[in-house]
Amino acid sequence: MAKRKISTFGEYIRQLRENAGLPLRKVAAQLDIDPSILGKIERNDRQPSKEQIKKLAVIFDQDENYLLSEYLSDQIAYKVLEEESNFDILKVAEKKVAYLKTKKNG
């Protein structure tokens, strides 16, 4: 996957849609949602479901795991910003994820 400039998940989806020359209504129809909902997703005013992210991966021929990672990284970034936390919290979270993985697999 080629490296891209930093943007939000919604901005990235909008970029993919515009690059493909697809109108909002056509992509929304493929997702089986109202175009206004897709517009809100693109503006980061609404969060897509995991199923919608999977469909977006198919529509735009993207790696599903990559899109899910982009979405989840947005969620983490917004939460850190919302809590006015510093980057140290990410280091702690990384350690906790490693711990939880060992617990789950152990």
PDB file of N, CA and C in Angstrom:
ATOM      1  N   MET A   1       0.855  -1.177   0.000  1.00  0.00           N
ATOM      2  CA  MET A   1       0.000   0.000   0.000  1.00  0.00           C
ATOM      3  C   MET A   1       0.902   1.241   0.000  1.00  0.00           C
ATOM      4  N   ALA A   2       0.622   2.131  -0.910  1.00  0.00           N
ATOM      5  CA  ALA A   2       1.429   3.354  -1.021  1.00  0.00           C
ATOM      6  C   ALA A   2       1.168   4.257   0.180  1.00  0.00           C
ATOM      7  N   LYS A   3       2.220   4.935   0.597  1.00  0.00           N
ATOM      8  CA  LYS A   3       2.088   5.858   1.718  1.00  0.00           C
ATOM      9  C   LYS A   3       1.262   7.062   1.269  1.00  0.00           C
ATOM     10  N   ARG A   4       0.394   7.515   2.126  1.00  0.00           N
ATOM     11  CA  ARG A   4      -0.449   8.658   1.782  1.00  0.00           C
ATOM     12  C   ARG A   4      -0.313   9.720   2.851  1.00  0.00           C
ATOM     13  N   LYS A   5      -0.767  10.919   2.503  1.00  0.00           N
ATOM     14  CA  LYS A   5      -0.704  11.994   3.485  1.00  0.00           C
ATOM     15  C   LYS A   5      -1.712  11.734   4.597  1.00  0.00           C
ATOM     16  N   ILE A   6      -1.426  12.285   5.753  1.00  0.00           N
ATOM     17  CA  ILE A   6      -2.294  12.092   6.907  1.00  0.00           C
ATOM     18  C   ILE A   6      -3.624  12.814   6.673  1.00  0.00           C
ATOM     19  N   SER A   7      -4.692  12.096   6.919  1.00  0.00           N
ATOM     20  CA  SER A   7      -6.031  12.677   6.851  1.00  0.00           C
ATOM     21  C   SER A   7      -6.922  11.830   7.753  1.00  0.00           C
ATOM     22  N   THR A   8      -8.127  12.285   7.954  1.00  0.00           N
ATOM     23  CA  THR A   8      -9.067  11.502   8.737  1.00  0.00           C
ATOM     24  C   THR A   8      -9.650  10.393   7.867  1.00  0.00           C
ATOM     25  N   PHE A   9     -10.289   9.444   8.495  1.00  0.00           N
ATOM     26  CA  PHE A   9     -10.919   8.351   7.775  1.00  0.00           C
ATOM     27  C   PHE A   9     -11.939   8.908   6.771  1.00  0.00           C
ATOM     28  N   GLY A  10     -12.770   9.823   7.238  1.00  0.00           N
ATOM     29  CA  GLY A  10     -13.791  10.393   6.374  1.00  0.00           C
ATOM     30  C   GLY A  10     -13.201  11.125   5.172  1.00  0.00           C
ATOM     31  N   GLU A  11     -12.150  11.886   5.407  1.00  0.00           N
ATOM     32  CA  GLU A  11     -11.484  12.600   4.313  1.00  0.00           C
ATOM     33  C   GLU A  11     -10.910  11.606   3.298  1.00  0.00           C
ATOM     34  N   TYR A  12     -10.378  10.512   3.809  1.00  0.00           N
ATOM     35  CA  TYR A  12      -9.804   9.498   2.931  1.00  0.00           C
ATOM     36  C   TYR A  12     -10.890   8.856   2.066  1.00  0.00           C
ATOM     37  N   ILE A  13     -12.028   8.541   2.669  1.00  0.00           N
ATOM     38  CA  ILE A  13     -13.140   7.945   1.916  1.00  0.00           C
ATOM     39  C   ILE A  13     -13.630   8.925   0.848  1.00  0.00           C
ATOM     40  N   ARG A  14     -13.748  10.187   1.206  1.00  0.00           N
ATOM     41  CA  ARG A  14     -14.165  11.192   0.220  1.00  0.00           C
ATOM     42  C   ARG A  14     -13.172  11.248  -0.938  1.00  0.00           C
ATOM     43  N   GLN A  15     -11.882  11.212  -0.603  1.00  0.00           N
ATOM     44  CA  GLN A  15     -10.846  11.259  -1.637  1.00  0.00           C
ATOM     45  C   GLN A  15     -10.959  10.044  -2.571  1.00  0.00           C
ATOM     46  N   LEU A  16     -11.165   8.871  -1.990  1.00  0.00           N
ATOM     47  CA  LEU A  16     -11.326   7.662  -2.805  1.00  0.00           C
ATOM     48  C   LEU A  16     -12.539   7.790  -3.728  1.00  0.00           C
ATOM     49  N   ARG A  17     -13.638   8.276  -3.179  1.00  0.00           N
ATOM     50  CA  ARG A  17     -14.875   8.417  -3.963  1.00  0.00           C
ATOM     51  C   ARG A  17     -14.690   9.408  -5.101  1.00  0.00           C
ATOM     52  N   GLU A  18     -14.093  10.560  -4.788  1.00  0.00           N
ATOM     53  CA  GLU A  18     -13.890  11.584  -5.818  1.00  0.00           C
ATOM     54  C   GLU A  18     -12.902  11.108  -6.878  1.00  0.00           C
ATOM     55  N   ASN A  19     -11.836  10.419  -6.445  1.00  0.00           N
ATOM     56  CA  ASN A  19     -10.857   9.887  -7.404  1.00  0.00           C
ATOM     57  C   ASN A  19     -11.494   8.865  -8.345  1.00  0.00           C
ATOM     58  N   ALA A  20     -12.481   8.134  -7.832  1.00  0.00           N
ATOM     59  CA  ALA A  20     -13.181   7.139  -8.644  1.00  0.00           C
ATOM     60  C   ALA A  20     -14.266   7.780  -9.508  1.00  0.00           C
ATOM     61  N   GLY A  21     -14.517   9.084  -9.291  1.00  0.00           N
ATOM     62  CA  GLY A  21     -15.543   9.790 -10.054  1.00  0.00           C
ATOM     63  C   GLY A  21     -16.952   9.345  -9.728  1.00  0.00           C
ATOM     64  N   LEU A  22     -17.149   8.888  -8.507  1.00  0.00           N
ATOM     65  CA  LEU A  22     -18.468   8.395  -8.099  1.00  0.00           C
ATOM     66  C   LEU A  22     -19.215   9.447  -7.282  1.00  0.00           C
ATOM     67  N   PRO A  23     -20.464   9.694  -7.616  1.00  0.00           N
ATOM     68  CA  PRO A  23     -21.250  10.621  -6.796  1.00  0.00           C
ATOM     69  C   PRO A  23     -21.623   9.983  -5.457  1.00  0.00           C
ATOM     70  N   LEU A  24     -21.837  10.825  -4.492  1.00  0.00           N
ATOM     71  CA  LEU A  24     -22.212  10.397  -3.146  1.00  0.00           C
ATOM     72  C   LEU A  24     -23.382   9.419  -3.182  1.00  0.00           C
ATOM     73  N   ARG A  25     -24.384   9.719  -3.971  1.00  0.00           N
ATOM     74  CA  ARG A  25     -25.602   8.895  -3.997  1.00  0.00           C
ATOM     75  C   ARG A  25     -25.347   7.473  -4.484  1.00  0.00           C
ATOM     76  N   LYS A  26     -24.392   7.308  -5.422  1.00  0.00           N
ATOM     77  CA  LYS A  26     -24.109   5.960  -5.939  1.00  0.00           C
ATOM     78  C   LYS A  26     -23.381   5.114  -4.899  1.00  0.00           C
ATOM     79  N   VAL A  27     -22.428   5.705  -4.218  1.00  0.00           N
ATOM     80  CA  VAL A  27     -21.715   4.959  -3.175  1.00  0.00           C
ATOM     81  C   VAL A  27     -22.674   4.662  -2.024  1.00  0.00           C
ATOM     82  N   ALA A  28     -23.483   5.636  -1.657  1.00  0.00           N
ATOM     83  CA  ALA A  28     -24.459   5.428  -0.585  1.00  0.00           C
ATOM     84  C   ALA A  28     -25.419   4.287  -0.940  1.00  0.00           C
ATOM     85  N   ALA A  29     -25.845   4.222  -2.189  1.00  0.00           N
ATOM     86  CA  ALA A  29     -26.744   3.149  -2.626  1.00  0.00           C
ATOM     87  C   ALA A  29     -26.061   1.790  -2.481  1.00  0.00           C
ATOM     88  N   GLN A  30     -24.776   1.717  -2.810  1.00  0.00           N
ATOM     89  CA  GLN A  30     -24.042   0.454  -2.667  1.00  0.00           C
ATOM     90  C   GLN A  30     -23.891   0.062  -1.199  1.00  0.00           C
ATOM     91  N   LEU A  31     -23.857   1.061  -0.323  1.00  0.00           N
ATOM     92  CA  LEU A  31     -23.777   0.802   1.117  1.00  0.00           C
ATOM     93  C   LEU A  31     -25.158   0.571   1.727  1.00  0.00           C
ATOM     94  N   ASP A  32     -26.198   0.834   0.935  1.00  0.00           N
ATOM     95  CA  ASP A  32     -27.583   0.735   1.390  1.00  0.00           C
ATOM     96  C   ASP A  32     -27.865   1.709   2.533  1.00  0.00           C
ATOM     97  N   ILE A  33     -27.366   2.945   2.354  1.00  0.00           N
ATOM     98  CA  ILE A  33     -27.619   4.017   3.324  1.00  0.00           C
ATOM     99  C   ILE A  33     -28.022   5.274   2.570  1.00  0.00           C
ATOM    100  N   ASP A  34     -28.583   6.219   3.278  1.00  0.00           N
ATOM    101  CA  ASP A  34     -28.957   7.503   2.701  1.00  0.00           C
ATOM    102  C   ASP A  34     -27.691   8.296   2.365  1.00  0.00           C
ATOM    103  N   PRO A  35     -27.687   9.031   1.246  1.00  0.00           N
ATOM    104  CA  PRO A  35     -26.501   9.836   0.907  1.00  0.00           C
ATOM    105  C   PRO A  35     -26.096  10.817   2.006  1.00  0.00           C
ATOM    106  N   SER A  36     -27.064  11.319   2.774  1.00  0.00           N
ATOM    107  CA  SER A  36     -26.719  12.256   3.846  1.00  0.00           C
ATOM    108  C   SER A  36     -25.876  11.567   4.927  1.00  0.00           C
ATOM    109  N   ILE A  37     -26.112  10.285   5.142  1.00  0.00           N
ATOM    110  CA  ILE A  37     -25.317   9.546   6.127  1.00  0.00           C
ATOM    111  C   ILE A  37     -23.886   9.394   5.630  1.00  0.00           C
ATOM    112  N   LEU A  38     -23.721   9.064   4.355  1.00  0.00           N
ATOM    113  CA  LEU A  38     -22.372   8.958   3.802  1.00  0.00           C
ATOM    114  C   LEU A  38     -21.676  10.318   3.860  1.00  0.00           C
ATOM    115  N   GLY A  39     -22.402  11.385   3.594  1.00  0.00           N
ATOM    116  CA  GLY A  39     -21.829  12.727   3.700  1.00  0.00           C
ATOM    117  C   GLY A  39     -21.335  13.002   5.116  1.00  0.00           C
ATOM    118  N   LYS A  40     -22.106  12.576   6.100  1.00  0.00           N
ATOM    119  CA  LYS A  40     -21.691  12.757   7.499  1.00  0.00           C
ATOM    120  C   LYS A  40     -20.460  11.922   7.825  1.00  0.00           C
ATOM    121  N   ILE A  41     -20.379  10.723   7.265  1.00  0.00           N
ATOM    122  CA  ILE A  41     -19.194   9.884   7.475  1.00  0.00           C
ATOM    123  C   ILE A  41     -17.979  10.591   6.878  1.00  0.00           C
ATOM    124  N   GLU A  42     -18.128  11.122   5.672  1.00  0.00           N
ATOM    125  CA  GLU A  42     -17.017  11.809   5.016  1.00  0.00           C
ATOM    126  C   GLU A  42     -16.592  13.073   5.759  1.00  0.00           C
ATOM    127  N   ARG A  43     -17.516  13.693   6.472  1.00  0.00           N
ATOM    128  CA  ARG A  43     -17.192  14.900   7.259  1.00  0.00           C
ATOM    129  C   ARG A  43     -16.810  14.558   8.695  1.00  0.00           C
ATOM    130  N   ASN A  44     -16.764  13.278   9.011  1.00  0.00           N
ATOM    131  CA  ASN A  44     -16.431  12.802  10.358  1.00  0.00           C
ATOM    132  C   ASN A  44     -17.475  13.202  11.399  1.00  0.00           C
ATOM    133  N   ASP A  45     -18.707  13.389  10.944  1.00  0.00           N
ATOM    134  CA  ASP A  45     -19.802  13.710  11.858  1.00  0.00           C
ATOM    135  C   ASP A  45     -20.541  12.449  12.303  1.00  0.00           C
ATOM    136  N   ARG A  46     -20.237  11.352  11.639  1.00  0.00           N
ATOM    137  CA  ARG A  46     -20.885  10.073  11.963  1.00  0.00           C
ATOM    138  C   ARG A  46     -19.863   8.961  11.738  1.00  0.00           C
ATOM    139  N   GLN A  47     -19.959   7.928  12.571  1.00  0.00           N
ATOM    140  CA  GLN A  47     -19.018   6.811  12.464  1.00  0.00           C
ATOM    141  C   GLN A  47     -19.634   5.678  11.648  1.00  0.00           C
ATOM    142  N   PRO A  48     -18.879   5.118  10.724  1.00  0.00           N
ATOM    143  CA  PRO A  48     -19.403   3.983   9.962  1.00  0.00           C
ATOM    144  C   PRO A  48     -19.376   2.710  10.803  1.00  0.00           C
ATOM    145  N   SER A  49     -20.219   1.769  10.445  1.00  0.00           N
ATOM    146  CA  SER A  49     -20.177   0.457  11.101  1.00  0.00           C
ATOM    147  C   SER A  49     -19.037  -0.355  10.488  1.00  0.00           C
ATOM    148  N   LYS A  50     -18.681  -1.408  11.161  1.00  0.00           N
ATOM    149  CA  LYS A  50     -17.629  -2.287  10.644  1.00  0.00           C
ATOM    150  C   LYS A  50     -18.064  -2.867   9.297  1.00  0.00           C
ATOM    151  N   GLU A  51     -19.334  -3.207   9.183  1.00  0.00           N
ATOM    152  CA  GLU A  51     -19.869  -3.754   7.930  1.00  0.00           C
ATOM    153  C   GLU A  51     -19.764  -2.723   6.800  1.00  0.00           C
ATOM    154  N   GLN A  52     -20.049  -1.469   7.095  1.00  0.00           N
ATOM    155  CA  GLN A  52     -19.925  -0.420   6.081  1.00  0.00           C
ATOM    156  C   GLN A  52     -18.470  -0.241   5.649  1.00  0.00           C
ATOM    157  N   ILE A  53     -17.547  -0.353   6.597  1.00  0.00           N
ATOM    158  CA  ILE A  53     -16.125  -0.239   6.259  1.00  0.00           C
ATOM    159  C   ILE A  53     -15.723  -1.387   5.342  1.00  0.00           C
ATOM    160  N   LYS A  54     -16.217  -2.586   5.615  1.00  0.00           N
ATOM    161  CA  LYS A  54     -15.926  -3.735   4.759  1.00  0.00           C
ATOM    162  C   LYS A  54     -16.458  -3.499   3.342  1.00  0.00           C
ATOM    163  N   LYS A  55     -17.663  -2.956   3.241  1.00  0.00           N
ATOM    164  CA  LYS A  55     -18.239  -2.664   1.924  1.00  0.00           C
ATOM    165  C   LYS A  55     -17.446  -1.578   1.204  1.00  0.00           C
ATOM    166  N   LEU A  56     -17.005  -0.573   1.941  1.00  0.00           N
ATOM    167  CA  LEU A  56     -16.189   0.484   1.336  1.00  0.00           C
ATOM    168  C   LEU A  56     -14.893  -0.085   0.771  1.00  0.00           C
ATOM    169  N   ALA A  57     -14.322  -1.054   1.469  1.00  0.00           N
ATOM    170  CA  ALA A  57     -13.094  -1.691   0.986  1.00  0.00           C
ATOM    171  C   ALA A  57     -13.332  -2.352  -0.370  1.00  0.00           C
ATOM    172  N   VAL A  58     -14.469  -3.005  -0.514  1.00  0.00           N
ATOM    173  CA  VAL A  58     -14.804  -3.657  -1.778  1.00  0.00           C
ATOM    174  C   VAL A  58     -15.081  -2.612  -2.860  1.00  0.00           C
ATOM    175  N   ILE A  59     -15.888  -1.621  -2.536  1.00  0.00           N
ATOM    176  CA  ILE A  59     -16.254  -0.587  -3.509  1.00  0.00           C
ATOM    177  C   ILE A  59     -15.020   0.103  -4.078  1.00  0.00           C
ATOM    178  N   PHE A  60     -14.062   0.423  -3.202  1.00  0.00           N
ATOM    179  CA  PHE A  60     -12.887   1.186  -3.637  1.00  0.00           C
ATOM    180  C   PHE A  60     -11.644   0.313  -3.823  1.00  0.00           C
ATOM    181  N   ASP A  61     -11.826  -1.005  -3.812  1.00  0.00           N
ATOM    182  CA  ASP A  61     -10.721  -1.943  -4.015  1.00  0.00           C
ATOM    183  C   ASP A  61      -9.557  -1.638  -3.071  1.00  0.00           C
ATOM    184  N   GLN A  62      -9.889  -1.545  -1.794  1.00  0.00           N
ATOM    185  CA  GLN A  62      -8.911  -1.260  -0.752  1.00  0.00           C
ATOM    186  C   GLN A  62      -8.769  -2.481   0.148  1.00  0.00           C
ATOM    187  N   ASP A  63      -7.636  -2.596   0.798  1.00  0.00           N
ATOM    188  CA  ASP A  63      -7.438  -3.659   1.769  1.00  0.00           C
ATOM    189  C   ASP A  63      -8.334  -3.390   2.980  1.00  0.00           C
ATOM    190  N   GLU A  64      -9.156  -4.356   3.327  1.00  0.00           N
ATOM    191  CA  GLU A  64     -10.104  -4.186   4.431  1.00  0.00           C
ATOM    192  C   GLU A  64      -9.398  -3.878   5.753  1.00  0.00           C
ATOM    193  N   ASN A  65      -8.314  -4.592   6.034  1.00  0.00           N
ATOM    194  CA  ASN A  65      -7.583  -4.352   7.282  1.00  0.00           C
ATOM    195  C   ASN A  65      -6.985  -2.946   7.316  1.00  0.00           C
ATOM    196  N   TYR A  66      -6.545  -2.462   6.173  1.00  0.00           N
ATOM    197  CA  TYR A  66      -6.001  -1.105   6.107  1.00  0.00           C
ATOM    198  C   TYR A  66      -7.085  -0.082   6.447  1.00  0.00           C
ATOM    199  N   LEU A  67      -8.260  -0.230   5.847  1.00  0.00           N
ATOM    200  CA  LEU A  67      -9.348   0.714   6.141  1.00  0.00           C
ATOM    201  C   LEU A  67      -9.771   0.628   7.603  1.00  0.00           C
ATOM    202  N   LEU A  68      -9.839  -0.580   8.148  1.00  0.00           N
ATOM    203  CA  LEU A  68     -10.194  -0.724   9.563  1.00  0.00           C
ATOM    204  C   LEU A  68      -9.143  -0.061  10.453  1.00  0.00           C
ATOM    205  N   SER A  69      -7.870  -0.207  10.087  1.00  0.00           N
ATOM    206  CA  SER A  69      -6.798   0.442  10.853  1.00  0.00           C
ATOM    207  C   SER A  69      -6.915   1.959  10.787  1.00  0.00           C
ATOM    208  N   GLU A  70      -7.230   2.466   9.606  1.00  0.00           N
ATOM    209  CA  GLU A  70      -7.409   3.911   9.454  1.00  0.00           C
ATOM    210  C   GLU A  70      -8.554   4.401  10.336  1.00  0.00           C
ATOM    211  N   TYR A  71      -9.643   3.663  10.335  1.00  0.00           N
ATOM    212  CA  TYR A  71     -10.808   4.038  11.142  1.00  0.00           C
ATOM    213  C   TYR A  71     -10.466   3.996  12.639  1.00  0.00           C
ATOM    214  N   LEU A  72      -9.864   2.897  13.079  1.00  0.00           N
ATOM    215  CA  LEU A  72      -9.552   2.755  14.504  1.00  0.00           C
ATOM    216  C   LEU A  72      -8.520   3.776  14.963  1.00  0.00           C
ATOM    217  N   SER A  73      -7.564   4.100  14.107  1.00  0.00           N
ATOM    218  CA  SER A  73      -6.571   5.106  14.492  1.00  0.00           C
ATOM    219  C   SER A  73      -7.227   6.470  14.678  1.00  0.00           C
ATOM    220  N   ASP A  74      -8.259   6.760  13.875  1.00  0.00           N
ATOM    221  CA  ASP A  74      -9.033   7.991  14.080  1.00  0.00           C
ATOM    222  C   ASP A  74      -9.668   7.994  15.463  1.00  0.00           C
ATOM    223  N   GLN A  75     -10.274   6.862  15.830  1.00  0.00           N
ATOM    224  CA  GLN A  75     -10.966   6.776  17.120  1.00  0.00           C
ATOM    225  C   GLN A  75     -10.005   7.024  18.273  1.00  0.00           C
ATOM    226  N   ILE A  76      -8.821   6.442  18.175  1.00  0.00           N
ATOM    227  CA  ILE A  76      -7.813   6.634  19.219  1.00  0.00           C
ATOM    228  C   ILE A  76      -7.359   8.090  19.252  1.00  0.00           C
ATOM    229  N   ALA A  77      -7.087   8.649  18.082  1.00  0.00           N
ATOM    230  CA  ALA A  77      -6.613  10.039  18.015  1.00  0.00           C
ATOM    231  C   ALA A  77      -7.652  11.002  18.597  1.00  0.00           C
ATOM    232  N   TYR A  78      -8.933  10.797  18.248  1.00  0.00           N
ATOM    233  CA  TYR A  78      -9.983  11.668  18.776  1.00  0.00           C
ATOM    234  C   TYR A  78     -10.099  11.540  20.287  1.00  0.00           C
ATOM    235  N   LYS A  79      -9.962  10.327  20.799  1.00  0.00           N
ATOM    236  CA  LYS A  79     -10.074  10.113  22.248  1.00  0.00           C
ATOM    237  C   LYS A  79      -8.925  10.787  22.989  1.00  0.00           C
ATOM    238  N   VAL A  80      -7.701  10.659  22.465  1.00  0.00           N
ATOM    239  CA  VAL A  80      -6.544  11.302  23.089  1.00  0.00           C
ATOM    240  C   VAL A  80      -6.732  12.817  23.063  1.00  0.00           C
ATOM    241  N   LEU A  81      -7.191  13.333  21.935  1.00  0.00           N
ATOM    242  CA  LEU A  81      -7.425  14.772  21.799  1.00  0.00           C
ATOM    243  C   LEU A  81      -8.517  15.247  22.764  1.00  0.00           C
ATOM    244  N   GLU A  82      -9.590  14.477  22.833  1.00  0.00           N
ATOM    245  CA  GLU A  82     -10.724  14.816  23.698  1.00  0.00           C
ATOM    246  C   GLU A  82     -10.307  14.884  25.172  1.00  0.00           C
ATOM    247  N   GLU A  83      -9.448  13.980  25.577  1.00  0.00           N
ATOM    248  CA  GLU A  83      -9.011  13.922  26.967  1.00  0.00           C
ATOM    249  C   GLU A  83      -7.825  14.844  27.240  1.00  0.00           C
ATOM    250  N   GLU A  84      -7.368  15.532  26.194  1.00  0.00           N
ATOM    251  CA  GLU A  84      -6.213  16.424  26.296  1.00  0.00           C
ATOM    252  C   GLU A  84      -5.019  15.689  26.898  1.00  0.00           C
ATOM    253  N   SER A  85      -4.853  14.442  26.458  1.00  0.00           N
ATOM    254  CA  SER A  85      -3.752  13.614  26.922  1.00  0.00           C
ATOM    255  C   SER A  85      -2.505  13.873  26.092  1.00  0.00           C
ATOM    256  N   ASN A  86      -1.377  13.433  26.630  1.00  0.00           N
ATOM    257  CA  ASN A  86      -0.154  13.536  25.847  1.00  0.00           C
ATOM    258  C   ASN A  86       0.153  12.176  25.227  1.00  0.00           C
ATOM    259  N   PHE A  87       1.227  12.093  24.486  1.00  0.00           N
ATOM    260  CA  PHE A  87       1.559  10.871  23.770  1.00  0.00           C
ATOM    261  C   PHE A  87       1.978   9.732  24.693  1.00  0.00           C
ATOM    262  N   ASP A  88       2.294  10.025  25.938  1.00  0.00           N
ATOM    263  CA  ASP A  88       2.667   8.969  26.874  1.00  0.00           C
ATOM    264  C   ASP A  88       1.540   7.954  27.038  1.00  0.00           C
ATOM    265  N   ILE A  89       0.319   8.419  26.923  1.00  0.00           N
ATOM    266  CA  ILE A  89      -0.815   7.508  27.076  1.00  0.00           C
ATOM    267  C   ILE A  89      -0.807   6.436  25.992  1.00  0.00           C
ATOM    268  N   LEU A  90      -0.289   6.763  24.815  1.00  0.00           N
ATOM    269  CA  LEU A  90      -0.213   5.779  23.735  1.00  0.00           C
ATOM    270  C   LEU A  90       0.805   4.687  24.060  1.00  0.00           C
ATOM    271  N   LYS A  91       1.886   5.059  24.712  1.00  0.00           N
ATOM    272  CA  LYS A  91       2.893   4.076  25.121  1.00  0.00           C
ATOM    273  C   LYS A  91       2.294   3.116  26.161  1.00  0.00           C
ATOM    274  N   VAL A  92       1.554   3.656  27.094  1.00  0.00           N
ATOM    275  CA  VAL A  92       0.910   2.828  28.116  1.00  0.00           C
ATOM    276  C   VAL A  92      -0.116   1.903  27.464  1.00  0.00           C
ATOM    277  N   ALA A  93      -0.891   2.453  26.538  1.00  0.00           N
ATOM    278  CA  ALA A  93      -1.903   1.645  25.848  1.00  0.00           C
ATOM    279  C   ALA A  93      -1.259   0.519  25.048  1.00  0.00           C
ATOM    280  N   GLU A  94      -0.126   0.796  24.409  1.00  0.00           N
ATOM    281  CA  GLU A  94       0.582  -0.227  23.649  1.00  0.00           C
ATOM    282  C   GLU A  94       1.008  -1.380  24.561  1.00  0.00           C
ATOM    283  N   LYS A  95       1.496  -1.052  25.751  1.00  0.00           N
ATOM    284  CA  LYS A  95       1.896  -2.076  26.712  1.00  0.00           C
ATOM    285  C   LYS A  95       0.682  -2.888  27.182  1.00  0.00           C
ATOM    286  N   LYS A  96      -0.438  -2.205  27.375  1.00  0.00           N
ATOM    287  CA  LYS A  96      -1.646  -2.901  27.819  1.00  0.00           C
ATOM    288  C   LYS A  96      -2.174  -3.838  26.727  1.00  0.00           C
ATOM    289  N   VAL A  97      -2.090  -3.405  25.481  1.00  0.00           N
ATOM    290  CA  VAL A  97      -2.523  -4.269  24.377  1.00  0.00           C
ATOM    291  C   VAL A  97      -1.665  -5.531  24.354  1.00  0.00           C
ATOM    292  N   ALA A  98      -0.355  -5.369  24.490  1.00  0.00           N
ATOM    293  CA  ALA A  98       0.545  -6.531  24.513  1.00  0.00           C
ATOM    294  C   ALA A  98       0.186  -7.449  25.680  1.00  0.00           C
ATOM    295  N   TYR A  99      -0.080  -6.874  26.840  1.00  0.00           N
ATOM    296  CA  TYR A  99      -0.462  -7.657  28.016  1.00  0.00           C
ATOM    297  C   TYR A  99      -1.774  -8.409  27.771  1.00  0.00           C
ATOM    298  N   LEU A 100      -2.770  -7.701  27.243  1.00  0.00           N
ATOM    299  CA  LEU A 100      -4.070  -8.322  27.005  1.00  0.00           C
ATOM    300  C   LEU A 100      -3.980  -9.430  25.964  1.00  0.00           C
ATOM    301  N   LYS A 101      -3.109  -9.258  24.972  1.00  0.00           N
ATOM    302  CA  LYS A 101      -2.922 -10.313  23.971  1.00  0.00           C
ATOM    303  C   LYS A 101      -2.356 -11.571  24.614  1.00  0.00           C
ATOM    304  N   THR A 102      -1.384 -11.397  25.527  1.00  0.00           N
ATOM    305  CA  THR A 102      -0.804 -12.580  26.188  1.00  0.00           C
ATOM    306  C   THR A 102      -1.835 -13.256  27.080  1.00  0.00           C
ATOM    307  N   LYS A 103      -2.671 -12.468  27.716  1.00  0.00           N
ATOM    308  CA  LYS A 103      -3.737 -13.028  28.567  1.00  0.00           C
ATOM    309  C   LYS A 103      -4.746 -13.811  27.719  1.00  0.00           C
ATOM    310  N   LYS A 104      -5.099 -13.230  26.587  1.00  0.00           N
ATOM    311  CA  LYS A 104      -6.087 -13.844  25.696  1.00  0.00           C
ATOM    312  C   LYS A 104      -5.547 -15.132  25.094  1.00  0.00           C
ATOM    313  N   ASN A 105      -4.278 -15.118  24.723  1.00  0.00           N
ATOM    314  CA  ASN A 105      -3.667 -16.297  24.084  1.00  0.00           C
ATOM    315  C   ASN A 105      -3.109 -17.289  25.090  1.00  0.00           C
ATOM    316  N   GLY A 106      -3.012 -16.860  26.339  1.00  0.00           N
ATOM    317  CA  GLY A 106      -2.396 -17.715  27.358  1.00  0.00           C
ATOM    318  C   GLY A 106      -3.368 -18.583  28.002  1.00  0.00           C
TER     319      GLY A 106
END
